[in-house]
Amino acid sequence: TVSVSARSLQGWFVLSDLCCTTVAVHTWCRSYCPTTTAANKLPAHVTASSCTPVAMATDTAKKSYNRLHSMASFRDDWDCKIAPDITLSIVVLGASGDLAKKKTFPALFALYKQGFLPKATQIIGYARSKLTDEALHERLTPYLKGEEQQVAKFLKLCLYVQGDYTPDAPGYQQLSQHIEEWEQQPNSPAGRLFYLALPPYVYPEVCQGLSHACSNLGPNPHSSSWVRAIVEKPFGNDLDSSEELCEQLGALFPENQLYRIDHYLGKELSQVRCAGAPGSRQLALHCLACAAAAAV
């Protein structure tokens, strides 16, 4: 039996294995809303084949798909809460690690292919490793599955900033400079999404650096502007360590800016349910991830 407080549970979404990162970023970054575009046309980089409907159990679902030609599936007919003209900066901290190159960046690429990222999007990788933009691209390319032209266009959105994780590291100032330069568009809301693909023990100091250097949207921010910080992996070792981490991060970011993902909570459950059904593991993971997204 696991006992957790209401505060610990707030903002948690149970995702699983390969699906977790895609759904997490999709849930909080679904800024491209085809219903708001002229004639519901597909984005230039989205092919018709990527918008084929999946199993639609009801007539309502089929009608929804027929109405929204650019949707990946009827599940994507959600009320879009993010302005379509937003200037978005996605910062992946720990960009040189395995989680980032194998899960986070491929998930972002999947969103890009389906048109769920706004046109004014930049993706910044931040880590301690001394890399250039080109070196980051070389690391990511083997894990981005798609047409060569699509991969090349996506990589043009990605740049790299080298810096330490200590709160006073100068890298955070460089990061802030890149973000502020990107946001120099009149009357456009700004979105800052910080995705921590890092071990939990560095969350407090990284969030401290981000809070002090990168979370200020200016004296007169647009009403639709926002900041998000997503932390992943096991969140503490037990209830006490989880509560301690909640207190540390809560002192740096308001609760409505913090999102916690512990995909291991759902992993064992899905594996147990699949034990008697060989070959259905990926289907179960997919269903679990969709259920988590639908609950948001």
Protein backbone atom coordinates (compact mmCIF):
# COMPACT_ATOMS: atom_id res chain seq x y z
CA THR A 1 0.00 0.00 0.00
CA VAL A 2 1.34 3.42 -0.96
CA SER A 3 0.24 6.49 0.98
CA VAL A 4 0.64 9.89 -0.70
CA SER A 5 -0.73 13.29 0.22
CA ALA A 6 -3.09 15.33 -1.95
CA ARG A 7 -0.30 17.85 -2.52
CA SER A 8 2.01 15.13 -3.83
CA LEU A 9 -0.64 13.89 -6.23
CA GLN A 10 -1.52 17.28 -7.67
CA GLY A 11 -0.14 17.58 -11.19
CA TRP A 12 0.85 13.91 -11.49
CA PHE A 13 -0.01 12.05 -14.66
CA VAL A 14 0.69 8.35 -14.92
CA LEU A 15 2.37 7.70 -18.24
CA SER A 16 4.24 4.65 -19.38
CA ASP A 17 7.44 3.64 -21.15
CA LEU A 18 7.79 4.87 -24.75
CA CYS A 19 4.43 6.66 -24.73
CA CYS A 20 5.06 8.77 -21.65
CA THR A 21 7.17 11.55 -23.11
CA THR A 22 5.07 12.01 -26.24
CA VAL A 23 1.83 12.29 -24.29
CA ALA A 24 3.36 14.54 -21.65
CA VAL A 25 4.71 17.05 -24.10
CA HIS A 26 1.64 16.69 -26.33
CA THR A 27 -0.65 17.42 -23.39
CA TRP A 28 1.07 20.66 -22.41
CA CYS A 29 2.33 21.74 -25.81
CA ARG A 30 -0.70 21.14 -28.06
CA SER A 31 -0.44 24.70 -29.30
CA TYR A 32 -1.27 24.06 -32.94
CA CYS A 33 -5.05 23.96 -33.23
CA PRO A 34 -6.23 23.15 -36.79
CA THR A 35 -9.74 24.39 -35.98
CA THR A 36 -8.41 27.94 -35.85
CA THR A 37 -6.62 27.89 -39.20
CA ALA A 38 -8.02 28.97 -42.53
CA ALA A 39 -9.89 26.15 -44.25
CA ASN A 40 -8.30 23.66 -41.83
CA LYS A 41 -5.35 23.20 -44.17
CA LEU A 42 -2.50 20.89 -43.27
CA PRO A 43 0.79 22.47 -42.22
CA ALA A 44 3.42 22.36 -44.96
CA HIS A 45 5.45 19.66 -43.20
CA VAL A 46 2.49 17.38 -42.44
CA THR A 47 1.64 14.69 -44.97
CA ALA A 48 -1.81 13.26 -45.54
CA SER A 49 -0.59 9.80 -44.59
CA SER A 50 0.26 11.03 -41.10
CA CYS A 51 -3.39 12.00 -40.57
CA THR A 52 -5.00 8.63 -41.23
CA PRO A 53 -7.74 7.91 -38.65
CA VAL A 54 -7.10 5.14 -36.18
CA ALA A 55 -9.82 2.82 -34.91
CA MET A 56 -12.94 4.95 -34.47
CA ALA A 57 -15.53 3.22 -32.36
CA THR A 58 -18.38 5.71 -32.74
CA ASP A 59 -20.06 7.79 -35.43
CA THR A 60 -19.26 10.90 -33.41
CA ALA A 61 -15.57 10.10 -33.60
CA LYS A 62 -15.78 9.56 -37.36
CA LYS A 63 -17.61 12.86 -37.86
CA SER A 64 -14.99 14.58 -35.75
CA TYR A 65 -12.24 13.18 -37.95
CA ASN A 66 -14.02 14.13 -41.17
CA ARG A 67 -14.49 17.68 -39.90
CA LEU A 68 -10.90 18.11 -38.80
CA HIS A 69 -8.86 16.82 -41.75
CA SER A 70 -5.51 17.68 -40.20
CA MET A 71 -6.02 15.76 -36.97
CA ALA A 72 -3.83 12.75 -36.23
CA SER A 73 -6.90 11.04 -34.74
CA PHE A 74 -10.22 11.96 -33.20
CA ARG A 75 -8.62 12.08 -29.74
CA ASP A 76 -6.86 15.25 -30.85
CA ASP A 77 -10.14 17.18 -31.14
CA TRP A 78 -9.46 18.95 -27.87
CA ASP A 79 -10.21 22.49 -26.77
CA CYS A 80 -6.90 24.21 -27.50
CA LYS A 81 -5.88 26.32 -24.50
CA ILE A 82 -2.73 27.76 -26.07
CA ALA A 83 -2.78 30.67 -28.49
CA PRO A 84 -1.91 29.49 -32.05
CA ASP A 85 0.33 32.53 -32.59
CA ILE A 86 2.43 31.84 -29.50
CA THR A 87 6.21 32.23 -29.58
CA LEU A 88 7.31 28.98 -27.97
CA SER A 89 10.65 28.06 -26.42
CA ILE A 90 11.08 24.42 -25.39
CA VAL A 91 14.16 23.90 -23.24
CA VAL A 92 15.36 20.32 -22.75
CA LEU A 93 17.73 20.22 -19.79
CA GLY A 94 19.99 17.21 -19.87
CA ALA A 95 20.00 17.32 -23.67
CA SER A 96 23.17 15.24 -23.99
CA GLY A 97 21.75 12.28 -22.06
CA ASP A 98 20.05 9.07 -23.19
CA LEU A 99 16.55 10.09 -22.09
CA ALA A 100 16.68 13.25 -24.19
CA LYS A 101 18.00 11.71 -27.39
CA LYS A 102 15.98 8.47 -27.21
CA LYS A 103 12.66 9.78 -25.87
CA THR A 104 12.27 13.56 -25.49
CA PHE A 105 13.55 14.80 -28.84
CA PRO A 106 11.89 11.96 -30.81
CA ALA A 107 8.61 12.83 -29.04
CA LEU A 108 8.99 16.47 -30.03
CA PHE A 109 9.77 15.39 -33.59
CA ALA A 110 6.57 13.31 -33.64
CA LEU A 111 4.59 16.39 -32.58
CA TYR A 112 6.35 18.44 -35.25
CA LYS A 113 5.50 15.94 -37.99
CA GLN A 114 1.82 16.02 -37.04
CA GLY A 115 1.68 19.81 -36.86
CA PHE A 116 1.21 20.18 -33.11
CA LEU A 117 4.08 22.64 -32.65
CA PRO A 118 3.41 26.29 -33.54
CA LYS A 119 5.35 27.91 -36.34
CA ALA A 120 7.34 30.13 -33.97
CA THR A 121 9.00 27.31 -32.03
CA GLN A 122 12.60 26.93 -30.97
CA ILE A 123 13.99 23.94 -29.08
CA ILE A 124 17.03 24.56 -26.90
CA GLY A 125 19.13 21.75 -25.53
CA TYR A 126 21.00 22.54 -22.31
CA ALA A 127 23.62 20.33 -20.66
CA ARG A 128 27.13 20.30 -19.23
CA SER A 129 28.68 18.55 -22.23
CA LYS A 130 30.64 20.77 -24.59
CA LEU A 131 28.69 20.42 -27.81
CA THR A 132 27.93 22.57 -30.82
CA ASP A 133 24.54 22.78 -32.50
CA GLU A 134 25.85 20.49 -35.22
CA ALA A 135 27.14 17.93 -32.70
CA LEU A 136 23.73 17.84 -31.03
CA HIS A 137 22.08 17.28 -34.40
CA GLU A 138 24.41 14.36 -35.12
CA ARG A 139 23.49 12.74 -31.81
CA LEU A 140 19.78 13.11 -32.42
CA THR A 141 19.55 12.12 -36.08
CA PRO A 142 19.68 8.29 -35.61
CA TYR A 143 16.66 8.48 -33.28
CA LEU A 144 14.45 10.73 -35.41
CA LYS A 145 12.37 8.44 -37.60
CA GLY A 146 10.96 10.15 -40.65
CA GLU A 147 11.74 11.54 -44.06
CA GLU A 148 15.19 13.08 -44.42
CA GLN A 149 13.73 16.45 -45.37
CA GLN A 150 11.46 16.48 -42.30
CA VAL A 151 14.35 15.60 -40.02
CA ALA A 152 16.49 18.38 -41.50
CA LYS A 153 13.74 20.97 -41.01
CA PHE A 154 13.14 19.86 -37.44
CA LEU A 155 16.84 20.04 -36.56
CA LYS A 156 16.89 23.66 -37.75
CA LEU A 157 14.63 24.42 -34.79
CA CYS A 158 17.14 22.89 -32.36
CA LEU A 159 20.11 24.67 -30.85
CA TYR A 160 22.40 23.98 -27.93
CA VAL A 161 23.59 25.92 -24.87
CA GLN A 162 26.38 24.51 -22.71
CA GLY A 163 26.23 25.21 -19.01
CA ASP A 164 26.47 23.79 -15.52
CA TYR A 165 23.48 22.90 -13.34
CA THR A 166 24.48 24.92 -10.28
CA PRO A 167 22.05 27.79 -9.55
CA ASP A 168 24.57 30.56 -10.33
CA ALA A 169 25.91 29.01 -13.55
CA PRO A 170 26.33 31.57 -16.38
CA GLY A 171 24.68 29.14 -18.76
CA TYR A 172 21.26 30.15 -17.43
CA GLN A 173 21.92 33.74 -18.49
CA GLN A 174 22.83 32.54 -21.98
CA LEU A 175 19.66 30.49 -22.01
CA SER A 176 17.61 33.49 -20.97
CA GLN A 177 19.20 35.60 -23.70
CA HIS A 178 18.26 33.07 -26.40
CA ILE A 179 14.69 32.94 -25.11
CA GLU A 180 14.26 36.70 -24.88
CA GLU A 181 15.67 37.24 -28.36
CA TRP A 182 13.22 34.67 -29.71
CA GLU A 183 10.30 36.40 -28.03
CA GLN A 184 10.89 39.77 -29.69
CA GLN A 185 7.64 39.66 -31.65
CA PRO A 186 5.03 42.39 -31.08
CA ASN A 187 1.66 41.39 -29.59
CA SER A 188 2.59 37.71 -29.51
CA PRO A 189 2.17 35.61 -26.34
CA ALA A 190 5.23 33.74 -25.11
CA GLY A 191 5.49 30.18 -23.87
CA ARG A 192 8.45 28.74 -21.97
CA LEU A 193 8.50 24.99 -21.45
CA PHE A 194 11.35 23.63 -19.33
CA TYR A 195 11.66 19.85 -19.57
CA LEU A 196 14.06 18.35 -17.02
CA ALA A 197 15.46 15.13 -18.48
CA LEU A 198 17.70 14.88 -15.41
CA PRO A 199 18.14 12.85 -12.20
CA PRO A 200 15.82 14.03 -9.39
CA TYR A 201 18.68 15.05 -7.10
CA VAL A 202 19.57 17.99 -9.36
CA TYR A 203 15.99 19.27 -9.73
CA PRO A 204 16.19 21.82 -6.88
CA GLU A 205 19.37 23.54 -8.04
CA VAL A 206 18.33 23.48 -11.71
CA CYS A 207 14.90 24.89 -10.90
CA GLN A 208 16.57 27.55 -8.78
CA GLY A 209 18.70 28.62 -11.73
CA LEU A 210 15.71 28.59 -14.09
CA SER A 211 13.48 30.46 -11.64
CA HIS A 212 16.00 33.24 -11.10
CA ALA A 213 17.24 33.67 -14.68
CA CYS A 214 14.63 32.33 -17.11
CA SER A 215 11.11 32.49 -15.65
CA ASN A 216 10.53 36.26 -15.71
CA LEU A 217 8.22 37.10 -18.63
CA GLY A 218 8.84 40.83 -18.30
CA PRO A 219 7.01 43.74 -16.65
CA ASN A 220 3.94 43.55 -18.92
CA PRO A 221 3.55 39.98 -20.16
CA HIS A 222 0.83 39.01 -22.61
CA SER A 223 -2.26 37.60 -20.91
CA SER A 224 -1.80 34.28 -22.77
CA SER A 225 1.89 33.89 -21.88
CA TRP A 226 2.96 31.09 -19.57
CA VAL A 227 5.84 29.17 -17.98
CA ARG A 228 5.90 25.37 -17.46
CA ALA A 229 8.43 23.18 -15.68
CA ILE A 230 8.15 19.42 -16.26
CA VAL A 231 10.06 17.01 -14.04
CA GLU A 232 10.23 13.32 -14.88
CA LYS A 233 11.46 10.00 -13.51
CA PRO A 234 10.84 8.62 -9.99
CA PHE A 235 10.00 11.65 -7.88
CA GLY A 236 11.78 10.90 -4.63
CA ASN A 237 12.42 7.52 -3.02
CA ASP A 238 9.46 7.51 -0.60
CA LEU A 239 6.75 9.82 0.74
CA ASP A 240 9.14 11.88 2.87
CA SER A 241 11.64 12.52 0.08
CA SER A 242 8.79 13.27 -2.32
CA GLU A 243 7.31 15.83 0.06
CA GLU A 244 10.73 17.40 0.58
CA LEU A 245 11.20 17.74 -3.17
CA CYS A 246 7.70 19.22 -3.47
CA GLU A 247 8.56 21.86 -0.90
CA GLN A 248 11.84 22.75 -2.60
CA LEU A 249 10.33 23.08 -6.07
CA GLY A 250 7.18 24.75 -4.75
CA ALA A 251 9.29 27.54 -3.32
CA LEU A 252 10.64 28.27 -6.82
CA PHE A 253 7.63 27.72 -9.11
CA PRO A 254 3.90 28.12 -8.40
CA GLU A 255 2.04 24.81 -8.37
CA ASN A 256 0.20 25.67 -11.60
CA GLN A 257 3.58 25.85 -13.37
CA LEU A 258 4.86 22.48 -12.14
CA TYR A 259 4.09 19.15 -13.80
CA ARG A 260 5.40 15.84 -12.45
CA ILE A 261 5.63 12.65 -14.49
CA ASP A 262 6.53 9.32 -12.94
CA HIS A 263 6.07 6.87 -15.80
CA TYR A 264 7.37 3.97 -13.70
CA LEU A 265 4.16 4.06 -11.67
CA GLY A 266 2.28 2.70 -14.68
CA LYS A 267 5.01 0.51 -16.12
CA GLU A 268 4.69 -2.48 -13.78
CA LEU A 269 0.89 -2.36 -13.95
CA SER A 270 0.91 -2.53 -17.74
CA GLN A 271 3.48 -5.33 -17.73
CA VAL A 272 1.41 -7.41 -15.29
CA ARG A 273 -1.74 -6.96 -17.38
CA CYS A 274 0.16 -7.99 -20.51
CA ALA A 275 1.65 -11.13 -18.95
CA GLY A 276 -1.13 -13.35 -20.29
CA ALA A 277 -1.39 -11.69 -23.68
CA PRO A 278 1.81 -12.04 -25.74
CA GLY A 279 2.27 -9.38 -28.39
CA SER A 280 -0.10 -6.86 -26.78
CA ARG A 281 2.45 -4.93 -24.72
CA GLN A 282 2.64 -1.93 -27.03
CA LEU A 283 -1.15 -1.79 -27.30
CA ALA A 284 -1.51 -1.73 -23.52
CA LEU A 285 1.10 0.99 -23.20
CA HIS A 286 -0.69 3.01 -25.85
CA CYS A 287 -4.05 2.64 -24.06
CA LEU A 288 -2.54 3.61 -20.72
CA ALA A 289 -0.95 6.73 -22.20
CA CYS A 290 -4.19 7.75 -23.96
CA ALA A 291 -6.15 7.30 -20.75
CA ALA A 292 -3.73 9.57 -18.93
CA ALA A 293 -4.01 12.22 -21.62
CA ALA A 294 -7.81 12.03 -21.65
CA ALA A 295 -7.88 12.56 -17.89
CA VAL A 296 -6.19 15.96 -18.17
